[in-house]
Amino acid sequence: MGRGRRAWPRHDVAVLLWRLCIEHRRSLAVLGWTLGGQP
């Protein structure tokens, strides 16, 4: 059962980086909207 996870260590890292990138982008977008998006 542990082989499945160890078979693709790079995949796990890629997913983590992708999620971090998406979260960072969302936070930056929210900050931009709150700073220069208020009427």
N, C-alpha and C. Protein backbone atom coordinates (compact mmCIF):
# COMPACT_ATOMS: atom_id res chain seq x y z
N MET A 1 0.85 -1.21 0.00
CA MET A 1 0.00 0.00 0.00
C MET A 1 0.89 1.26 0.00
N GLY A 2 2.03 1.19 0.68
CA GLY A 2 2.91 2.36 0.73
C GLY A 2 3.65 2.59 -0.58
N ARG A 3 3.61 1.59 -1.47
CA ARG A 3 4.33 1.74 -2.74
C ARG A 3 3.68 2.82 -3.61
N GLY A 4 2.37 2.91 -3.56
CA GLY A 4 1.68 3.90 -4.41
C GLY A 4 2.16 5.31 -4.13
N ARG A 5 2.36 5.62 -2.87
CA ARG A 5 2.77 6.99 -2.52
C ARG A 5 4.24 7.21 -2.87
N ARG A 6 5.05 6.18 -2.70
CA ARG A 6 6.48 6.36 -2.97
C ARG A 6 6.77 6.24 -4.46
N ALA A 7 5.81 5.77 -5.23
CA ALA A 7 6.04 5.60 -6.67
C ALA A 7 6.12 6.96 -7.37
N TRP A 8 5.38 7.94 -6.85
CA TRP A 8 5.38 9.26 -7.51
C TRP A 8 5.64 10.38 -6.51
N PRO A 9 6.85 10.46 -5.97
CA PRO A 9 7.17 11.54 -5.01
C PRO A 9 7.11 12.90 -5.69
N ARG A 10 7.50 12.94 -6.97
CA ARG A 10 7.48 14.22 -7.67
C ARG A 10 6.06 14.71 -7.85
N HIS A 11 5.14 13.78 -8.08
CA HIS A 11 3.74 14.17 -8.29
C HIS A 11 3.20 14.88 -7.04
N ASP A 12 3.51 14.33 -5.88
CA ASP A 12 3.04 14.95 -4.63
C ASP A 12 3.60 16.36 -4.51
N VAL A 13 4.88 16.52 -4.80
CA VAL A 13 5.51 17.84 -4.70
C VAL A 13 4.86 18.80 -5.70
N ALA A 14 4.60 18.31 -6.91
CA ALA A 14 3.99 19.16 -7.94
C ALA A 14 2.61 19.61 -7.48
N VAL A 15 1.85 18.71 -6.90
CA VAL A 15 0.50 19.06 -6.43
C VAL A 15 0.59 20.10 -5.33
N LEU A 16 1.52 19.90 -4.40
CA LEU A 16 1.68 20.86 -3.30
C LEU A 16 2.04 22.24 -3.84
N LEU A 17 2.99 22.29 -4.77
CA LEU A 17 3.41 23.57 -5.35
C LEU A 17 2.25 24.21 -6.10
N TRP A 18 1.49 23.39 -6.84
CA TRP A 18 0.35 23.92 -7.60
C TRP A 18 -0.68 24.53 -6.66
N ARG A 19 -0.98 23.81 -5.57
CA ARG A 19 -1.98 24.32 -4.61
C ARG A 19 -1.48 25.61 -3.97
N LEU A 20 -0.21 25.64 -3.61
CA LEU A 20 0.36 26.85 -3.00
C LEU A 20 0.28 28.02 -3.98
N CYS A 21 0.59 27.74 -5.25
CA CYS A 21 0.55 28.80 -6.26
C CYS A 21 -0.87 29.35 -6.39
N ILE A 22 -1.85 28.44 -6.45
CA ILE A 22 -3.25 28.87 -6.61
C ILE A 22 -3.67 29.69 -5.39
N GLU A 23 -3.32 29.21 -4.19
CA GLU A 23 -3.71 29.93 -2.98
C GLU A 23 -3.07 31.31 -2.96
N HIS A 24 -1.79 31.39 -3.33
CA HIS A 24 -1.08 32.67 -3.32
C HIS A 24 -1.74 33.62 -4.31
N ARG A 25 -2.09 33.10 -5.48
CA ARG A 25 -2.73 33.94 -6.49
C ARG A 25 -4.06 34.46 -5.98
N ARG A 26 -4.82 33.59 -5.33
CA ARG A 26 -6.13 34.01 -4.82
C ARG A 26 -5.96 35.09 -3.76
N SER A 27 -5.02 34.88 -2.86
CA SER A 27 -4.80 35.87 -1.78
C SER A 27 -4.37 37.20 -2.39
N LEU A 28 -3.48 37.15 -3.39
CA LEU A 28 -3.02 38.38 -4.04
C LEU A 28 -4.19 39.07 -4.73
N ALA A 29 -5.05 38.30 -5.39
CA ALA A 29 -6.20 38.88 -6.08
C ALA A 29 -7.13 39.54 -5.08
N VAL A 30 -7.37 38.88 -3.96
CA VAL A 30 -8.26 39.45 -2.93
C VAL A 30 -7.66 40.74 -2.38
N LEU A 31 -6.35 40.72 -2.12
CA LEU A 31 -5.70 41.93 -1.60
C LEU A 31 -5.80 43.06 -2.62
N GLY A 32 -5.58 42.76 -3.88
CA GLY A 32 -5.67 43.78 -4.92
C GLY A 32 -7.08 44.35 -4.99
N TRP A 33 -8.07 43.47 -4.90
CA TRP A 33 -9.47 43.93 -4.97
C TRP A 33 -9.80 44.83 -3.79
N THR A 34 -9.34 44.45 -2.60
CA THR A 34 -9.67 45.23 -1.40
C THR A 34 -8.92 46.57 -1.42
N LEU A 35 -7.70 46.56 -1.96
CA LEU A 35 -6.90 47.79 -1.96
C LEU A 35 -7.36 48.76 -3.06
N GLY A 36 -7.56 48.26 -4.27
CA GLY A 36 -7.90 49.16 -5.37
C GLY A 36 -9.20 48.78 -6.07
N GLY A 37 -10.04 48.00 -5.40
CA GLY A 37 -11.29 47.57 -6.04
C GLY A 37 -12.52 48.14 -5.36
N GLN A 38 -12.29 48.90 -4.28
CA GLN A 38 -13.45 49.45 -3.56
C GLN A 38 -13.94 50.72 -4.27
N PRO A 39 -15.24 50.85 -4.46
CA PRO A 39 -15.81 52.03 -5.13
C PRO A 39 -15.74 53.28 -4.27
